[in-house]
């Protein structure tokens, strides 16, 4: 199941799924009201581990000039790009991944993920997925979380209010500026988490595929 393939079906599925990811970061206040859509991809994972999460992706037999080839995350997910659909790269299990060529050219969807993250998510989660004082570093969270848990939290939102913390994240499953590009945001955060994509705007990007444009137009017109 790919989030971008059917906005309405996946939003419904996310809400039916019920409870959001159970574990949250120990610290965090309610994002300021002015953050608005900045909370777009607010995914609360476990407290950030002190060790560098970039080490969670272990290279093995990288080939073909692609930075992600042969890498397996600590959660067991192989992030090798296997096929392209709607102008986006996916692994053998249909999970969105990134593709970075030997010369540093980033696939268009991952570049678009950078743009969408910077527009919708960085206010709460910090530039480049690095986190902030009240929201976790998503570049680390995606290395541990299941992709479908990530989708569910983005779509349904999350509230974790108790004596120790007050974390509230709105639901973004009906926000097309987020949900139509959720796979792009996820792929971008994977690239950041593994260390294959440095901070800042990617210097080189592939051309926008026609299939990407067609799917984008379809999702935004729903």
C-alpha atoms as a PDB file:
ATOM      1  CA  UNK A   1       0.000   0.000   0.000  1.00  0.00           C
ATOM      2  CA  UNK A   2       1.398   3.346  -1.002  1.00  0.00           C
ATOM      3  CA  UNK A   3       0.042   6.512   0.619  1.00  0.00           C
ATOM      4  CA  UNK A   4       0.126   8.541  -2.541  1.00  0.00           C
ATOM      5  CA  UNK A   5      -1.905   6.062  -4.606  1.00  0.00           C
ATOM      6  CA  UNK A   6      -5.242   6.785  -2.943  1.00  0.00           C
ATOM      7  CA  UNK A   7      -5.598   9.715  -0.588  1.00  0.00           C
ATOM      8  CA  UNK A   8      -9.116   8.921   0.556  1.00  0.00           C
ATOM      9  CA  UNK A   9      -8.576   5.185   1.112  1.00  0.00           C
ATOM     10  CA  UNK A  10      -5.418   5.589   3.127  1.00  0.00           C
ATOM     11  CA  UNK A  11      -6.739   8.414   5.261  1.00  0.00           C
ATOM     12  CA  UNK A  12      -9.696   6.180   6.156  1.00  0.00           C
ATOM     13  CA  UNK A  13      -7.368   3.257   6.820  1.00  0.00           C
ATOM     14  CA  UNK A  14      -5.155   5.351   9.063  1.00  0.00           C
ATOM     15  CA  UNK A  15      -8.055   6.505  11.208  1.00  0.00           C
ATOM     16  CA  UNK A  16      -9.518   3.006  11.498  1.00  0.00           C
ATOM     17  CA  UNK A  17      -6.133   1.704  12.536  1.00  0.00           C
ATOM     18  CA  UNK A  18      -6.647   3.420  15.884  1.00  0.00           C
ATOM     19  CA  UNK A  19      -3.898   4.068  18.377  1.00  0.00           C
ATOM     20  CA  UNK A  20      -0.850   6.067  17.405  1.00  0.00           C
ATOM     21  CA  UNK A  21       2.705   4.953  18.037  1.00  0.00           C
ATOM     22  CA  UNK A  22       2.853   4.274  21.776  1.00  0.00           C
ATOM     23  CA  UNK A  23       6.291   5.550  22.692  1.00  0.00           C
ATOM     24  CA  UNK A  24       7.234   9.229  22.706  1.00  0.00           C
ATOM     25  CA  UNK A  25      10.227  11.381  23.456  1.00  0.00           C
ATOM     26  CA  UNK A  26      10.561  12.286  27.087  1.00  0.00           C
ATOM     27  CA  UNK A  27      10.816  16.011  26.442  1.00  0.00           C
ATOM     28  CA  UNK A  28       8.494  18.207  24.442  1.00  0.00           C
ATOM     29  CA  UNK A  29       5.993  20.989  24.814  1.00  0.00           C
ATOM     30  CA  UNK A  30       2.966  21.772  22.740  1.00  0.00           C
ATOM     31  CA  UNK A  31       4.140  23.322  19.449  1.00  0.00           C
ATOM     32  CA  UNK A  32       3.411  27.034  19.318  1.00  0.00           C
ATOM     33  CA  UNK A  33       0.150  28.016  17.680  1.00  0.00           C
ATOM     34  CA  UNK A  34       1.939  29.844  14.923  1.00  0.00           C
ATOM     35  CA  UNK A  35       3.636  26.635  13.866  1.00  0.00           C
ATOM     36  CA  UNK A  36       0.461  25.662  12.010  1.00  0.00           C
ATOM     37  CA  UNK A  37       1.262  23.229   9.263  1.00  0.00           C
ATOM     38  CA  UNK A  38       4.815  23.077  10.531  1.00  0.00           C
ATOM     39  CA  UNK A  39       3.784  20.072  12.586  1.00  0.00           C
ATOM     40  CA  UNK A  40       2.974  18.242   9.372  1.00  0.00           C
ATOM     41  CA  UNK A  41       5.121  15.174   9.770  1.00  0.00           C
ATOM     42  CA  UNK A  42       5.337  15.203  13.561  1.00  0.00           C
ATOM     43  CA  UNK A  43       6.175  11.629  14.386  1.00  0.00           C
ATOM     44  CA  UNK A  44       7.026  10.910  18.017  1.00  0.00           C
ATOM     45  CA  UNK A  45       9.431   8.034  18.275  1.00  0.00           C
ATOM     46  CA  UNK A  46      11.267   6.744  21.297  1.00  0.00           C
ATOM     47  CA  UNK A  47      13.725   9.055  23.077  1.00  0.00           C
ATOM     48  CA  UNK A  48      16.614   9.720  20.763  1.00  0.00           C
ATOM     49  CA  UNK A  49      19.439   7.294  21.316  1.00  0.00           C
ATOM     50  CA  UNK A  50      22.780   8.841  22.270  1.00  0.00           C
ATOM     51  CA  UNK A  51      24.588   6.874  19.614  1.00  0.00           C
ATOM     52  CA  UNK A  52      24.654   8.248  16.078  1.00  0.00           C
ATOM     53  CA  UNK A  53      21.669   6.877  14.196  1.00  0.00           C
ATOM     54  CA  UNK A  54      23.466   7.242  10.898  1.00  0.00           C
ATOM     55  CA  UNK A  55      25.184   4.001  11.870  1.00  0.00           C
ATOM     56  CA  UNK A  56      21.807   2.245  11.823  1.00  0.00           C
ATOM     57  CA  UNK A  57      22.107   1.726   8.085  1.00  0.00           C
ATOM     58  CA  UNK A  58      24.910  -0.691   7.381  1.00  0.00           C
ATOM     59  CA  UNK A  59      26.336  -0.739   3.848  1.00  0.00           C
ATOM     60  CA  UNK A  60      26.707  -4.100   2.166  1.00  0.00           C
ATOM     61  CA  UNK A  61      27.757  -4.702  -1.422  1.00  0.00           C
ATOM     62  CA  UNK A  62      26.776  -1.219  -2.544  1.00  0.00           C
ATOM     63  CA  UNK A  63      26.698  -1.157  -6.294  1.00  0.00           C
ATOM     64  CA  UNK A  64      25.400   0.573  -9.347  1.00  0.00           C
ATOM     65  CA  UNK A  65      26.586   3.965  -8.152  1.00  0.00           C
ATOM     66  CA  UNK A  66      23.568   4.292  -5.846  1.00  0.00           C
ATOM     67  CA  UNK A  67      24.171   5.383  -2.245  1.00  0.00           C
ATOM     68  CA  UNK A  68      21.285   3.298  -0.877  1.00  0.00           C
ATOM     69  CA  UNK A  69      22.116   0.053  -2.690  1.00  0.00           C
ATOM     70  CA  UNK A  70      22.671  -2.849  -0.315  1.00  0.00           C
ATOM     71  CA  UNK A  71      21.857  -0.946   2.870  1.00  0.00           C
ATOM     72  CA  UNK A  72      19.729  -2.495   5.603  1.00  0.00           C
ATOM     73  CA  UNK A  73      18.382  -0.410   8.491  1.00  0.00           C
ATOM     74  CA  UNK A  74      18.533  -1.484  12.123  1.00  0.00           C
ATOM     75  CA  UNK A  75      14.816  -2.328  11.887  1.00  0.00           C
ATOM     76  CA  UNK A  76      15.615  -4.849   9.143  1.00  0.00           C
ATOM     77  CA  UNK A  77      14.351  -2.832   6.177  1.00  0.00           C
ATOM     78  CA  UNK A  78      16.394  -3.046   2.990  1.00  0.00           C
ATOM     79  CA  UNK A  79      16.426   0.410   1.416  1.00  0.00           C
ATOM     80  CA  UNK A  80      17.823  -0.659  -1.938  1.00  0.00           C
ATOM     81  CA  UNK A  81      15.689   0.972  -4.682  1.00  0.00           C
ATOM     82  CA  UNK A  82      14.082  -1.846  -6.685  1.00  0.00           C
ATOM     83  CA  UNK A  83      11.475  -0.236  -8.906  1.00  0.00           C
ATOM     84  CA  UNK A  84       9.980   3.115  -9.842  1.00  0.00           C
ATOM     85  CA  UNK A  85       6.260   3.851  -9.671  1.00  0.00           C
ATOM     86  CA  UNK A  86       4.587   7.211 -10.250  1.00  0.00           C
ATOM     87  CA  UNK A  87       8.053   8.745 -10.556  1.00  0.00           C
ATOM     88  CA  UNK A  88       9.133   7.492  -7.129  1.00  0.00           C
ATOM     89  CA  UNK A  89      11.539   4.751  -6.052  1.00  0.00           C
ATOM     90  CA  UNK A  90      10.430   1.843  -3.835  1.00  0.00           C
ATOM     91  CA  UNK A  91      12.210  -1.155  -2.338  1.00  0.00           C
ATOM     92  CA  UNK A  92      11.202  -4.753  -3.073  1.00  0.00           C
ATOM     93  CA  UNK A  93       8.442  -4.524  -0.436  1.00  0.00           C
ATOM     94  CA  UNK A  94       6.879  -1.395  -1.901  1.00  0.00           C
ATOM     95  CA  UNK A  95       8.266   0.986   0.739  1.00  0.00           C
ATOM     96  CA  UNK A  96       9.434   4.400  -0.541  1.00  0.00           C
ATOM     97  CA  UNK A  97      13.206   4.848  -0.609  1.00  0.00           C
ATOM     98  CA  UNK A  98      15.690   7.320  -2.051  1.00  0.00           C
ATOM     99  CA  UNK A  99      18.128   6.993  -4.929  1.00  0.00           C
ATOM    100  CA  UNK A 100      21.329   9.016  -5.079  1.00  0.00           C
ATOM    101  CA  UNK A 101      23.617   8.513  -8.048  1.00  0.00           C
ATOM    102  CA  UNK A 102      27.376   8.305  -7.871  1.00  0.00           C
ATOM    103  CA  UNK A 103      27.705  11.952  -8.908  1.00  0.00           C
ATOM    104  CA  UNK A 104      25.384  13.072  -6.091  1.00  0.00           C
ATOM    105  CA  UNK A 105      22.247  13.490  -8.186  1.00  0.00           C
ATOM    106  CA  UNK A 106      19.176  12.922  -6.008  1.00  0.00           C
ATOM    107  CA  UNK A 107      16.011  11.413  -7.461  1.00  0.00           C
ATOM    108  CA  UNK A 108      13.287  14.008  -7.937  1.00  0.00           C
ATOM    109  CA  UNK A 109      10.922  12.599  -5.298  1.00  0.00           C
ATOM    110  CA  UNK A 110      13.581  12.798  -2.590  1.00  0.00           C
ATOM    111  CA  UNK A 111      14.416  16.348  -3.650  1.00  0.00           C
ATOM    112  CA  UNK A 112      10.702  17.135  -3.475  1.00  0.00           C
ATOM    113  CA  UNK A 113      10.662  15.577  -0.003  1.00  0.00           C
ATOM    114  CA  UNK A 114      13.267  18.126   1.047  1.00  0.00           C
ATOM    115  CA  UNK A 115      11.088  20.929  -0.310  1.00  0.00           C
ATOM    116  CA  UNK A 116       7.909  19.648   1.346  1.00  0.00           C
ATOM    117  CA  UNK A 117       9.626  18.974   4.653  1.00  0.00           C
ATOM    118  CA  UNK A 118      11.121  22.462   4.637  1.00  0.00           C
ATOM    119  CA  UNK A 119       7.707  23.984   3.929  1.00  0.00           C
ATOM    120  CA  UNK A 120       5.541  21.905   6.268  1.00  0.00           C
ATOM    121  CA  UNK A 121       7.606  20.169   8.955  1.00  0.00           C
ATOM    122  CA  UNK A 122      10.725  22.107   9.895  1.00  0.00           C
ATOM    123  CA  UNK A 123       8.997  24.632  12.176  1.00  0.00           C
ATOM    124  CA  UNK A 124       8.459  21.922  14.778  1.00  0.00           C
ATOM    125  CA  UNK A 125      11.041  19.290  13.826  1.00  0.00           C
ATOM    126  CA  UNK A 126      13.894  21.580  12.911  1.00  0.00           C
ATOM    127  CA  UNK A 127      15.681  22.080   9.583  1.00  0.00           C
ATOM    128  CA  UNK A 128      16.878  18.956   7.767  1.00  0.00           C
ATOM    129  CA  UNK A 129      15.066  16.584  10.136  1.00  0.00           C
ATOM    130  CA  UNK A 130      17.453  17.436  12.969  1.00  0.00           C
ATOM    131  CA  UNK A 131      14.772  17.873  15.664  1.00  0.00           C
ATOM    132  CA  UNK A 132      14.057  20.683  18.116  1.00  0.00           C
ATOM    133  CA  UNK A 133      13.522  21.261  21.831  1.00  0.00           C
ATOM    134  CA  UNK A 134       9.939  19.992  21.623  1.00  0.00           C
ATOM    135  CA  UNK A 135       9.849  17.635  18.633  1.00  0.00           C
ATOM    136  CA  UNK A 136      12.048  14.628  17.784  1.00  0.00           C
ATOM    137  CA  UNK A 137      14.608  14.396  15.011  1.00  0.00           C
ATOM    138  CA  UNK A 138      12.619  12.646  12.303  1.00  0.00           C
ATOM    139  CA  UNK A 139      15.759  11.643  10.431  1.00  0.00           C
ATOM    140  CA  UNK A 140      16.441   9.319  13.364  1.00  0.00           C
ATOM    141  CA  UNK A 141      12.843   8.252  13.983  1.00  0.00           C
ATOM    142  CA  UNK A 142      12.384   6.834  10.478  1.00  0.00           C
ATOM    143  CA  UNK A 143      15.353   4.507  10.938  1.00  0.00           C
ATOM    144  CA  UNK A 144      13.520   2.778  13.799  1.00  0.00           C
ATOM    145  CA  UNK A 145       9.848   3.153  12.910  1.00  0.00           C
ATOM    146  CA  UNK A 146       7.766   1.024  10.602  1.00  0.00           C
ATOM    147  CA  UNK A 147       6.730   2.959   7.487  1.00  0.00           C
ATOM    148  CA  UNK A 148       3.038   2.300   8.107  1.00  0.00           C
ATOM    149  CA  UNK A 149       3.296   3.552  11.697  1.00  0.00           C
ATOM    150  CA  UNK A 150       4.844   6.714  10.277  1.00  0.00           C
ATOM    151  CA  UNK A 151       1.898   7.076   7.875  1.00  0.00           C
ATOM    152  CA  UNK A 152      -0.633   6.487  10.633  1.00  0.00           C
ATOM    153  CA  UNK A 153       0.729   9.143  12.945  1.00  0.00           C
ATOM    154  CA  UNK A 154       1.027  11.738  10.190  1.00  0.00           C
ATOM    155  CA  UNK A 155      -2.522  11.002   9.028  1.00  0.00           C
ATOM    156  CA  UNK A 156      -4.263  10.654  12.401  1.00  0.00           C
ATOM    157  CA  UNK A 157      -2.235  12.924  14.668  1.00  0.00           C
ATOM    158  CA  UNK A 158      -1.254  12.229  18.236  1.00  0.00           C
ATOM    159  CA  UNK A 159      -1.874  13.488  21.733  1.00  0.00           C
ATOM    160  CA  UNK A 160       0.306  12.626  24.680  1.00  0.00           C
ATOM    161  CA  UNK A 161      -0.648  14.834  27.594  1.00  0.00           C
ATOM    162  CA  UNK A 162       0.338  13.934  31.146  1.00  0.00           C
ATOM    163  CA  UNK A 163       2.160  15.351  34.143  1.00  0.00           C
ATOM    164  CA  UNK A 164       5.533  14.928  32.472  1.00  0.00           C
ATOM    165  CA  UNK A 165       4.810  16.309  29.019  1.00  0.00           C
ATOM    166  CA  UNK A 166       2.261  17.976  26.802  1.00  0.00           C
ATOM    167  CA  UNK A 167       2.654  16.890  23.203  1.00  0.00           C
ATOM    168  CA  UNK A 168      -0.103  17.554  20.716  1.00  0.00           C
ATOM    169  CA  UNK A 169       0.198  16.915  17.013  1.00  0.00           C
ATOM    170  CA  UNK A 170      -2.694  17.644  14.633  1.00  0.00           C
ATOM    171  CA  UNK A 171      -3.821  15.174  11.977  1.00  0.00           C
ATOM    172  CA  UNK A 172      -2.638  15.864   8.431  1.00  0.00           C
ATOM    173  CA  UNK A 173      -4.309  13.070   6.506  1.00  0.00           C
ATOM    174  CA  UNK A 174      -6.616  15.552   4.784  1.00  0.00           C
ATOM    175  CA  UNK A 175      -3.909  18.156   4.158  1.00  0.00           C
ATOM    176  CA  UNK A 176      -2.991  17.519   0.532  1.00  0.00           C
ATOM    177  CA  UNK A 177       0.179  19.583   0.772  1.00  0.00           C
ATOM    178  CA  UNK A 178       1.414  16.932   3.193  1.00  0.00           C
ATOM    179  CA  UNK A 179      -0.388  13.722   2.331  1.00  0.00           C
ATOM    180  CA  UNK A 180       0.071  13.833  -1.436  1.00  0.00           C
ATOM    181  CA  UNK A 181       3.825  13.940  -0.783  1.00  0.00           C
ATOM    182  CA  UNK A 182       4.142  11.713   2.280  1.00  0.00           C
ATOM    183  CA  UNK A 183       6.294   9.170   0.422  1.00  0.00           C
ATOM    184  CA  UNK A 184       8.627  11.949  -0.712  1.00  0.00           C
ATOM    185  CA  UNK A 185       9.009  13.258   2.831  1.00  0.00           C
ATOM    186  CA  UNK A 186       9.660   9.765   4.127  1.00  0.00           C
ATOM    187  CA  UNK A 187      12.315   9.046   1.472  1.00  0.00           C
ATOM    188  CA  UNK A 188      14.020  12.382   2.195  1.00  0.00           C
ATOM    189  CA  UNK A 189      14.154  11.635   5.927  1.00  0.00           C
ATOM    190  CA  UNK A 190      15.620   8.185   5.238  1.00  0.00           C
ATOM    191  CA  UNK A 191      18.375   9.772   3.151  1.00  0.00           C
ATOM    192  CA  UNK A 192      19.108  12.224   5.951  1.00  0.00           C
ATOM    193  CA  UNK A 193      19.048   9.541   8.643  1.00  0.00           C
ATOM    194  CA  UNK A 194      21.481   7.243   6.882  1.00  0.00           C
ATOM    195  CA  UNK A 195      23.836  10.142   6.241  1.00  0.00           C
ATOM    196  CA  UNK A 196      23.707   9.711   2.459  1.00  0.00           C
ATOM    197  CA  UNK A 197      22.207  13.186   2.053  1.00  0.00           C
ATOM    198  CA  UNK A 198      23.923  16.122   3.790  1.00  0.00           C
ATOM    199  CA  UNK A 199      22.126  19.047   5.363  1.00  0.00           C
ATOM    200  CA  UNK A 200      20.721  21.764   3.156  1.00  0.00           C
ATOM    201  CA  UNK A 201      19.222  21.861  -0.315  1.00  0.00           C
ATOM    202  CA  UNK A 202      20.437  18.957  -2.482  1.00  0.00           C
ATOM    203  CA  UNK A 203      22.915  20.306  -4.993  1.00  0.00           C
ATOM    204  CA  UNK A 204      21.815  18.064  -7.876  1.00  0.00           C
ATOM    205  CA  UNK A 205      18.400  16.634  -8.655  1.00  0.00           C
ATOM    206  CA  UNK A 206      16.997  14.431 -11.384  1.00  0.00           C
ATOM    207  CA  UNK A 207      14.377  15.802 -13.763  1.00  0.00           C
ATOM    208  CA  UNK A 208      10.738  15.586 -12.724  1.00  0.00           C
ATOM    209  CA  UNK A 209       9.247  12.442 -14.316  1.00  0.00           C
ATOM    210  CA  UNK A 210       6.016  12.750 -16.262  1.00  0.00           C
ATOM    211  CA  UNK A 211       4.552   9.985 -14.083  1.00  0.00           C
ATOM    212  CA  UNK A 212       5.242  12.061 -10.996  1.00  0.00           C
ATOM    213  CA  UNK A 213       3.388  15.038 -12.481  1.00  0.00           C
ATOM    214  CA  UNK A 214       0.425  12.877 -13.445  1.00  0.00           C
ATOM    215  CA  UNK A 215       0.085  11.347  -9.968  1.00  0.00           C
ATOM    216  CA  UNK A 216       0.589  14.715  -8.305  1.00  0.00           C
ATOM    217  CA  UNK A 217      -2.185  16.293 -10.371  1.00  0.00           C
ATOM    218  CA  UNK A 218      -4.484  13.360  -9.620  1.00  0.00           C
ATOM    219  CA  UNK A 219      -3.900  13.517  -5.852  1.00  0.00           C
ATOM    220  CA  UNK A 220      -4.237  17.286  -5.593  1.00  0.00           C
ATOM    221  CA  UNK A 221      -7.490  17.272  -7.561  1.00  0.00           C
ATOM    222  CA  UNK A 222      -9.219  14.706  -5.344  1.00  0.00           C
END
